[in-house]
Amino acid sequence: MKTESKRDKPKSLRQYVTARIAGQLFGLPIEAVQEVFTPEGITHVPLAPAAIEGVLNLRGRIVTALSMRRVLGYTDDHSARPMAIGVEYRGEPYGLIVDEIGEVCTVDTSESEPPPANFDRRWSAIVGSVHRLPAELMVILDVGRTVGGAPTELRA
């Protein structure tokens, strides 16, 4: 009976758009990302949950701007110019505001791991998996849970 080694297993490759938030590398499935843009003209929404930065007009569409720093429990960083990753959830557009956009990273999904048990509850609510890259850990965000209200701070 032949046993399969890790080298013999067929690779299941998936691409992620990477971003940095407070120095940590995050990935979003490329098929969930509609665009990357610089968030400008954000209008504050009174009484909105703290994680909602506001709304903005992006080519005629009203987009909810979501501060990923706040969602993940970090303080705001006003020293850098933020970027946004455009996603859509249940027909509604969102801009996930991040510190920096990276590159597209292709990884073997068979090597993904569940989130560590010691993750902060805010992270555990929105992280789908983690990947060990040669130099660091890439945390994969579940877009549906991130914008779909999994974090209690997003619920009205």
N, C-alpha and C. Protein backbone atom coordinates (compact mmCIF):
# COMPACT_ATOMS: atom_id res chain seq x y z
N MET A 1 0.84 -1.18 0.00
CA MET A 1 0.00 0.00 0.00
C MET A 1 0.88 1.25 0.00
N LYS A 2 0.62 2.13 -0.93
CA LYS A 2 1.42 3.35 -1.08
C LYS A 2 0.82 4.47 -0.24
N THR A 3 1.65 5.14 0.53
CA THR A 3 1.18 6.30 1.29
C THR A 3 1.63 7.56 0.56
N GLU A 4 0.76 8.54 0.59
CA GLU A 4 1.09 9.79 -0.08
C GLU A 4 1.91 10.68 0.83
N SER A 5 2.99 11.15 0.32
CA SER A 5 3.76 12.15 1.07
C SER A 5 3.20 13.51 0.72
N LYS A 6 3.59 14.52 1.48
CA LYS A 6 3.13 15.88 1.21
C LYS A 6 3.50 16.31 -0.20
N ARG A 7 4.63 15.83 -0.69
CA ARG A 7 5.11 16.18 -2.02
C ARG A 7 4.24 15.56 -3.11
N ASP A 8 3.61 14.39 -2.83
CA ASP A 8 2.80 13.69 -3.82
C ASP A 8 1.39 14.25 -3.95
N LYS A 9 0.91 14.97 -2.92
CA LYS A 9 -0.45 15.47 -2.94
C LYS A 9 -0.63 16.52 -4.04
N PRO A 10 -1.76 16.45 -4.76
CA PRO A 10 -2.00 17.48 -5.77
C PRO A 10 -2.23 18.82 -5.08
N LYS A 11 -1.70 19.85 -5.69
CA LYS A 11 -1.84 21.18 -5.11
C LYS A 11 -3.17 21.78 -5.50
N SER A 12 -3.77 22.43 -4.55
CA SER A 12 -5.00 23.18 -4.77
C SER A 12 -4.64 24.65 -4.57
N LEU A 13 -4.34 25.32 -5.67
CA LEU A 13 -3.84 26.69 -5.60
C LEU A 13 -4.98 27.70 -5.56
N ARG A 14 -4.77 28.73 -4.77
CA ARG A 14 -5.74 29.82 -4.68
C ARG A 14 -4.98 31.13 -4.55
N GLN A 15 -5.53 32.17 -5.16
CA GLN A 15 -4.88 33.47 -5.12
C GLN A 15 -5.58 34.39 -4.12
N TYR A 16 -4.75 35.19 -3.45
CA TYR A 16 -5.25 36.15 -2.47
C TYR A 16 -4.66 37.52 -2.75
N VAL A 17 -5.49 38.55 -2.58
CA VAL A 17 -5.00 39.92 -2.59
C VAL A 17 -4.52 40.18 -1.17
N THR A 18 -3.29 40.64 -1.03
CA THR A 18 -2.75 40.84 0.31
C THR A 18 -2.81 42.30 0.71
N ALA A 19 -2.88 42.49 2.01
CA ALA A 19 -2.92 43.83 2.58
C ALA A 19 -2.28 43.77 3.97
N ARG A 20 -1.78 44.90 4.41
CA ARG A 20 -1.23 44.99 5.76
C ARG A 20 -2.13 45.88 6.61
N ILE A 21 -2.36 45.39 7.81
CA ILE A 21 -3.12 46.14 8.80
C ILE A 21 -2.31 46.06 10.08
N ALA A 22 -1.82 47.20 10.54
CA ALA A 22 -0.98 47.27 11.75
C ALA A 22 0.21 46.31 11.66
N GLY A 23 0.78 46.21 10.45
CA GLY A 23 1.97 45.39 10.25
C GLY A 23 1.71 43.93 9.95
N GLN A 24 0.50 43.43 10.21
CA GLN A 24 0.16 42.03 9.97
C GLN A 24 -0.29 41.84 8.53
N LEU A 25 0.15 40.74 7.90
CA LEU A 25 -0.24 40.42 6.53
C LEU A 25 -1.57 39.69 6.53
N PHE A 26 -2.51 40.20 5.76
CA PHE A 26 -3.83 39.59 5.59
C PHE A 26 -4.04 39.27 4.13
N GLY A 27 -4.90 38.30 3.85
CA GLY A 27 -5.25 37.94 2.49
C GLY A 27 -6.76 37.87 2.32
N LEU A 28 -7.22 38.30 1.17
CA LEU A 28 -8.63 38.16 0.80
C LEU A 28 -8.68 37.38 -0.51
N PRO A 29 -9.58 36.41 -0.62
CA PRO A 29 -9.68 35.65 -1.87
C PRO A 29 -9.86 36.60 -3.05
N ILE A 30 -9.06 36.40 -4.08
CA ILE A 30 -9.06 37.33 -5.22
C ILE A 30 -10.43 37.42 -5.88
N GLU A 31 -11.19 36.34 -5.85
CA GLU A 31 -12.51 36.37 -6.50
C GLU A 31 -13.50 37.23 -5.72
N ALA A 32 -13.20 37.56 -4.46
CA ALA A 32 -14.07 38.41 -3.66
C ALA A 32 -13.75 39.90 -3.83
N VAL A 33 -12.57 40.18 -4.38
CA VAL A 33 -12.12 41.57 -4.51
C VAL A 33 -12.55 42.14 -5.86
N GLN A 34 -13.26 43.26 -5.80
CA GLN A 34 -13.70 43.90 -7.03
C GLN A 34 -12.71 44.95 -7.51
N GLU A 35 -12.10 45.65 -6.56
CA GLU A 35 -11.15 46.69 -6.93
C GLU A 35 -10.37 47.13 -5.70
N VAL A 36 -9.32 47.89 -5.97
CA VAL A 36 -8.50 48.50 -4.93
C VAL A 36 -8.52 50.00 -5.23
N PHE A 37 -8.74 50.81 -4.20
CA PHE A 37 -8.84 52.25 -4.44
C PHE A 37 -8.38 53.04 -3.22
N THR A 38 -8.15 54.33 -3.44
CA THR A 38 -7.82 55.25 -2.35
C THR A 38 -9.13 55.84 -1.85
N PRO A 39 -9.47 55.61 -0.58
CA PRO A 39 -10.74 56.15 -0.07
C PRO A 39 -10.66 57.67 0.12
N GLU A 40 -11.51 58.39 -0.58
CA GLU A 40 -11.52 59.84 -0.50
C GLU A 40 -12.95 60.32 -0.30
N GLY A 41 -13.08 61.42 0.39
CA GLY A 41 -14.40 62.02 0.59
C GLY A 41 -15.30 61.18 1.46
N ILE A 42 -14.76 60.59 2.50
CA ILE A 42 -15.59 59.77 3.40
C ILE A 42 -16.46 60.68 4.26
N THR A 43 -17.76 60.39 4.27
CA THR A 43 -18.72 61.13 5.07
C THR A 43 -19.05 60.35 6.31
N HIS A 44 -18.86 60.95 7.47
CA HIS A 44 -19.18 60.32 8.75
C HIS A 44 -20.68 60.05 8.83
N VAL A 45 -21.05 58.92 9.41
CA VAL A 45 -22.45 58.56 9.58
C VAL A 45 -22.77 58.61 11.07
N PRO A 46 -23.61 59.55 11.50
CA PRO A 46 -23.94 59.64 12.92
C PRO A 46 -24.55 58.35 13.45
N LEU A 47 -24.14 57.98 14.65
CA LEU A 47 -24.63 56.80 15.37
C LEU A 47 -24.25 55.46 14.73
N ALA A 48 -23.38 55.49 13.74
CA ALA A 48 -22.93 54.23 13.13
C ALA A 48 -21.99 53.53 14.10
N PRO A 49 -21.90 52.20 14.02
CA PRO A 49 -20.94 51.48 14.86
C PRO A 49 -19.52 52.01 14.62
N ALA A 50 -18.67 51.91 15.62
CA ALA A 50 -17.32 52.47 15.57
C ALA A 50 -16.50 51.96 14.38
N ALA A 51 -16.71 50.72 13.97
CA ALA A 51 -15.92 50.15 12.87
C ALA A 51 -16.26 50.77 11.52
N ILE A 52 -17.41 51.42 11.43
CA ILE A 52 -17.81 52.07 10.17
C ILE A 52 -17.18 53.45 10.12
N GLU A 53 -16.25 53.60 9.20
CA GLU A 53 -15.56 54.88 9.03
C GLU A 53 -16.54 55.93 8.46
N GLY A 54 -17.46 55.46 7.62
CA GLY A 54 -18.45 56.34 7.00
C GLY A 54 -18.86 55.77 5.66
N VAL A 55 -19.31 56.64 4.79
CA VAL A 55 -19.69 56.24 3.43
C VAL A 55 -18.97 57.14 2.44
N LEU A 56 -18.81 56.64 1.23
CA LEU A 56 -18.18 57.44 0.18
C LEU A 56 -18.84 57.13 -1.15
N ASN A 57 -18.67 58.05 -2.07
CA ASN A 57 -19.21 57.89 -3.42
C ASN A 57 -18.09 57.37 -4.30
N LEU A 58 -18.27 56.19 -4.84
CA LEU A 58 -17.29 55.59 -5.73
C LEU A 58 -17.95 55.34 -7.08
N ARG A 59 -17.67 56.23 -8.01
CA ARG A 59 -18.24 56.14 -9.36
C ARG A 59 -19.77 55.97 -9.34
N GLY A 60 -20.43 56.79 -8.52
CA GLY A 60 -21.88 56.79 -8.48
C GLY A 60 -22.51 55.79 -7.52
N ARG A 61 -21.72 54.99 -6.86
CA ARG A 61 -22.25 54.02 -5.88
C ARG A 61 -21.88 54.48 -4.48
N ILE A 62 -22.81 54.34 -3.56
CA ILE A 62 -22.55 54.66 -2.16
C ILE A 62 -21.92 53.42 -1.53
N VAL A 63 -20.70 53.58 -1.02
CA VAL A 63 -19.91 52.47 -0.48
C VAL A 63 -19.73 52.68 1.02
N THR A 64 -19.99 51.65 1.80
CA THR A 64 -19.73 51.70 3.24
C THR A 64 -18.25 51.46 3.46
N ALA A 65 -17.60 52.42 4.12
CA ALA A 65 -16.16 52.33 4.40
C ALA A 65 -15.97 51.73 5.79
N LEU A 66 -15.34 50.59 5.84
CA LEU A 66 -15.16 49.83 7.07
C LEU A 66 -13.70 49.86 7.49
N SER A 67 -13.41 50.38 8.67
CA SER A 67 -12.03 50.45 9.17
C SER A 67 -11.60 49.09 9.68
N MET A 68 -10.71 48.44 8.97
CA MET A 68 -10.25 47.12 9.40
C MET A 68 -9.42 47.22 10.68
N ARG A 69 -8.76 48.34 10.90
CA ARG A 69 -8.03 48.54 12.16
C ARG A 69 -9.01 48.45 13.34
N ARG A 70 -10.13 49.11 13.22
CA ARG A 70 -11.11 49.09 14.31
C ARG A 70 -11.75 47.73 14.46
N VAL A 71 -12.07 47.09 13.34
CA VAL A 71 -12.67 45.75 13.40
C VAL A 71 -11.74 44.79 14.15
N LEU A 72 -10.44 44.93 13.92
CA LEU A 72 -9.46 44.02 14.52
C LEU A 72 -8.97 44.46 15.90
N GLY A 73 -9.47 45.60 16.38
CA GLY A 73 -9.13 46.04 17.72
C GLY A 73 -7.93 46.95 17.83
N TYR A 74 -7.47 47.49 16.73
CA TYR A 74 -6.34 48.42 16.73
C TYR A 74 -6.84 49.85 16.79
N THR A 75 -5.95 50.75 17.19
CA THR A 75 -6.27 52.17 17.15
C THR A 75 -6.02 52.68 15.74
N ASP A 76 -6.61 53.81 15.43
CA ASP A 76 -6.41 54.43 14.11
C ASP A 76 -4.97 54.88 13.96
N ASP A 77 -4.48 54.86 12.73
CA ASP A 77 -3.14 55.35 12.41
C ASP A 77 -3.29 56.43 11.36
N HIS A 78 -3.05 57.66 11.76
CA HIS A 78 -3.24 58.77 10.83
C HIS A 78 -1.94 59.18 10.15
N SER A 79 -0.88 58.40 10.36
CA SER A 79 0.42 58.76 9.78
C SER A 79 0.57 58.32 8.33
N ALA A 80 -0.20 57.36 7.90
CA ALA A 80 -0.09 56.86 6.53
C ALA A 80 -1.39 57.10 5.77
N ARG A 81 -1.28 57.15 4.47
CA ARG A 81 -2.48 57.29 3.65
C ARG A 81 -3.09 55.90 3.44
N PRO A 82 -4.31 55.70 3.91
CA PRO A 82 -4.92 54.37 3.80
C PRO A 82 -5.33 54.03 2.37
N MET A 83 -5.53 52.76 2.16
CA MET A 83 -6.05 52.24 0.90
C MET A 83 -7.32 51.46 1.23
N ALA A 84 -8.09 51.10 0.21
CA ALA A 84 -9.31 50.33 0.44
C ALA A 84 -9.41 49.20 -0.57
N ILE A 85 -9.99 48.12 -0.11
CA ILE A 85 -10.25 46.96 -0.95
C ILE A 85 -11.76 46.89 -1.12
N GLY A 86 -12.21 46.99 -2.37
CA GLY A 86 -13.63 46.96 -2.66
C GLY A 86 -14.15 45.54 -2.76
N VAL A 87 -15.18 45.26 -1.96
CA VAL A 87 -15.84 43.96 -1.99
C VAL A 87 -17.34 44.20 -2.02
N GLU A 88 -18.09 43.16 -2.34
CA GLU A 88 -19.54 43.27 -2.32
C GLU A 88 -20.08 42.11 -1.50
N TYR A 89 -21.10 42.40 -0.70
CA TYR A 89 -21.72 41.37 0.11
C TYR A 89 -23.22 41.58 0.06
N ARG A 90 -23.94 40.58 -0.41
CA ARG A 90 -25.40 40.63 -0.55
C ARG A 90 -25.86 41.87 -1.31
N GLY A 91 -25.12 42.17 -2.38
CA GLY A 91 -25.49 43.27 -3.26
C GLY A 91 -25.07 44.65 -2.77
N GLU A 92 -24.44 44.73 -1.61
CA GLU A 92 -24.01 46.01 -1.06
C GLU A 92 -22.49 46.15 -1.18
N PRO A 93 -22.01 47.31 -1.66
CA PRO A 93 -20.57 47.51 -1.78
C PRO A 93 -19.94 48.00 -0.47
N TYR A 94 -18.75 47.49 -0.19
CA TYR A 94 -17.99 47.88 0.99
C TYR A 94 -16.57 48.20 0.57
N GLY A 95 -15.97 49.12 1.28
CA GLY A 95 -14.55 49.41 1.12
C GLY A 95 -13.85 49.06 2.42
N LEU A 96 -13.02 48.03 2.41
CA LEU A 96 -12.28 47.63 3.60
C LEU A 96 -11.03 48.48 3.68
N ILE A 97 -10.97 49.38 4.62
CA ILE A 97 -9.85 50.31 4.72
C ILE A 97 -8.69 49.63 5.44
N VAL A 98 -7.56 49.59 4.75
CA VAL A 98 -6.35 48.93 5.25
C VAL A 98 -5.19 49.92 5.20
N ASP A 99 -4.09 49.55 5.84
CA ASP A 99 -2.93 50.43 5.86
C ASP A 99 -2.18 50.44 4.53
N GLU A 100 -2.12 49.26 3.92
CA GLU A 100 -1.28 49.12 2.72
C GLU A 100 -1.77 47.92 1.90
N ILE A 101 -1.76 48.08 0.59
CA ILE A 101 -2.09 46.98 -0.31
C ILE A 101 -0.80 46.29 -0.72
N GLY A 102 -0.83 44.96 -0.72
CA GLY A 102 0.34 44.20 -1.14
C GLY A 102 0.19 43.71 -2.56
N GLU A 103 0.59 42.49 -2.76
CA GLU A 103 0.53 41.87 -4.08
C GLU A 103 -0.46 40.71 -4.06
N VAL A 104 -0.62 40.09 -5.19
CA VAL A 104 -1.41 38.87 -5.26
C VAL A 104 -0.48 37.72 -4.89
N CYS A 105 -0.94 36.91 -3.96
CA CYS A 105 -0.14 35.79 -3.45
C CYS A 105 -0.87 34.49 -3.77
N THR A 106 -0.18 33.54 -4.36
CA THR A 106 -0.76 32.24 -4.67
C THR A 106 -0.26 31.23 -3.66
N VAL A 107 -1.20 30.53 -3.00
CA VAL A 107 -0.82 29.54 -2.00
C VAL A 107 -1.55 28.23 -2.25
N ASP A 108 -1.00 27.17 -1.70
CA ASP A 108 -1.60 25.84 -1.77
C ASP A 108 -2.59 25.74 -0.61
N THR A 109 -3.88 25.68 -0.90
CA THR A 109 -4.89 25.67 0.15
C THR A 109 -4.85 24.40 0.99
N SER A 110 -4.25 23.34 0.48
CA SER A 110 -4.15 22.12 1.29
C SER A 110 -3.20 22.31 2.47
N GLU A 111 -2.42 23.39 2.43
CA GLU A 111 -1.51 23.67 3.53
C GLU A 111 -2.05 24.74 4.48
N SER A 112 -3.30 25.16 4.28
CA SER A 112 -3.88 26.15 5.18
C SER A 112 -4.18 25.50 6.53
N GLU A 113 -4.23 26.32 7.54
CA GLU A 113 -4.49 25.84 8.89
C GLU A 113 -5.62 26.65 9.49
N PRO A 114 -6.34 26.07 10.45
CA PRO A 114 -7.39 26.86 11.11
C PRO A 114 -6.76 27.98 11.93
N PRO A 115 -7.52 29.00 12.24
CA PRO A 115 -6.96 30.08 13.06
C PRO A 115 -6.54 29.53 14.43
N PRO A 116 -5.47 30.06 14.97
CA PRO A 116 -5.03 29.60 16.29
C PRO A 116 -6.11 29.85 17.35
N ALA A 117 -6.18 28.97 18.32
CA ALA A 117 -7.19 29.07 19.38
C ALA A 117 -7.00 30.32 20.24
N ASN A 118 -5.79 30.85 20.26
CA ASN A 118 -5.53 32.00 21.12
C ASN A 118 -5.73 33.35 20.40
N PHE A 119 -6.32 33.35 19.21
CA PHE A 119 -6.64 34.60 18.53
C PHE A 119 -7.65 35.38 19.38
N ASP A 120 -7.56 36.69 19.32
CA ASP A 120 -8.55 37.56 19.95
C ASP A 120 -9.91 37.23 19.34
N ARG A 121 -10.95 37.36 20.14
CA ARG A 121 -12.30 36.99 19.67
C ARG A 121 -12.71 37.77 18.42
N ARG A 122 -12.24 39.03 18.32
CA ARG A 122 -12.58 39.83 17.13
C ARG A 122 -11.95 39.22 15.89
N TRP A 123 -10.74 38.71 16.04
CA TRP A 123 -10.06 38.07 14.91
C TRP A 123 -10.73 36.74 14.59
N SER A 124 -10.99 35.95 15.60
CA SER A 124 -11.60 34.63 15.38
C SER A 124 -12.93 34.72 14.66
N ALA A 125 -13.66 35.83 14.89
CA ALA A 125 -14.97 36.00 14.26
C ALA A 125 -14.89 36.18 12.75
N ILE A 126 -13.74 36.65 12.24
CA ILE A 126 -13.67 36.99 10.81
C ILE A 126 -12.57 36.28 10.04
N VAL A 127 -11.72 35.53 10.73
CA VAL A 127 -10.61 34.84 10.06
C VAL A 127 -11.06 33.45 9.62
N GLY A 128 -10.78 33.14 8.36
CA GLY A 128 -11.13 31.83 7.83
C GLY A 128 -10.03 30.79 8.03
N SER A 129 -8.78 31.21 7.82
CA SER A 129 -7.65 30.29 7.96
C SER A 129 -6.36 31.11 8.02
N VAL A 130 -5.25 30.41 8.18
CA VAL A 130 -3.94 31.05 8.15
C VAL A 130 -3.02 30.21 7.26
N HIS A 131 -2.05 30.88 6.67
CA HIS A 131 -1.05 30.21 5.84
C HIS A 131 0.33 30.59 6.35
N ARG A 132 1.17 29.60 6.47
CA ARG A 132 2.57 29.86 6.83
C ARG A 132 3.34 30.14 5.54
N LEU A 133 3.79 31.36 5.41
CA LEU A 133 4.63 31.73 4.27
C LEU A 133 6.09 31.64 4.73
N PRO A 134 7.03 31.66 3.82
CA PRO A 134 8.43 31.53 4.23
C PRO A 134 8.88 32.55 5.29
N ALA A 135 8.39 33.78 5.21
CA ALA A 135 8.87 34.81 6.14
C ALA A 135 7.86 35.22 7.21
N GLU A 136 6.58 34.87 7.02
CA GLU A 136 5.57 35.32 7.97
C GLU A 136 4.27 34.53 7.81
N LEU A 137 3.34 34.84 8.67
CA LEU A 137 2.03 34.21 8.65
C LEU A 137 1.05 35.11 7.90
N MET A 138 0.28 34.54 6.96
CA MET A 138 -0.75 35.31 6.27
C MET A 138 -2.10 34.87 6.83
N VAL A 139 -2.84 35.84 7.34
CA VAL A 139 -4.15 35.60 7.93
C VAL A 139 -5.21 35.83 6.85
N ILE A 140 -6.04 34.83 6.60
CA ILE A 140 -7.04 34.92 5.54
C ILE A 140 -8.38 35.38 6.13
N LEU A 141 -8.87 36.50 5.62
CA LEU A 141 -10.15 37.03 6.09
C LEU A 141 -11.30 36.38 5.34
N ASP A 142 -12.35 36.07 6.06
CA ASP A 142 -13.60 35.58 5.47
C ASP A 142 -14.43 36.84 5.18
N VAL A 143 -14.57 37.18 3.93
CA VAL A 143 -15.23 38.44 3.54
C VAL A 143 -16.67 38.49 4.05
N GLY A 144 -17.40 37.40 3.92
CA GLY A 144 -18.80 37.37 4.38
C GLY A 144 -18.93 37.65 5.86
N ARG A 145 -18.07 37.05 6.65
CA ARG A 145 -18.12 37.29 8.10
C ARG A 145 -17.58 38.67 8.45
N THR A 146 -16.64 39.18 7.66
CA THR A 146 -16.07 40.50 7.94
C THR A 146 -17.10 41.60 7.74
N VAL A 147 -17.82 41.58 6.65
CA VAL A 147 -18.79 42.64 6.37
C VAL A 147 -20.21 42.23 6.69
N GLY A 148 -20.43 40.96 6.93
CA GLY A 148 -21.78 40.46 7.17
C GLY A 148 -22.26 40.60 8.59
N GLY A 149 -21.48 41.27 9.43
CA GLY A 149 -21.97 41.53 10.77
C GLY A 149 -21.48 40.59 11.83
N ALA A 150 -20.49 39.73 11.51
CA ALA A 150 -19.97 38.83 12.55
C ALA A 150 -19.39 39.60 13.72
N PRO A 151 -18.60 40.64 13.49
CA PRO A 151 -18.11 41.40 14.63
C PRO A 151 -19.27 42.12 15.31
N THR A 152 -19.39 41.98 16.61
CA THR A 152 -20.51 42.60 17.31
C THR A 152 -20.51 44.10 17.16
N GLU A 153 -19.35 44.71 16.91
CA GLU A 153 -19.27 46.14 16.75
C GLU A 153 -20.00 46.62 15.49
N LEU A 154 -20.28 45.72 14.54
CA LEU A 154 -20.95 46.12 13.31
C LEU A 154 -22.46 46.02 13.41
N ARG A 155 -22.94 45.31 14.39
CA ARG A 155 -24.39 45.13 14.50
C ARG A 155 -25.05 46.39 15.03
N ALA A 156 -26.19 46.71 14.47
CA ALA A 156 -26.91 47.92 14.91
C ALA A 156 -27.69 47.64 16.16
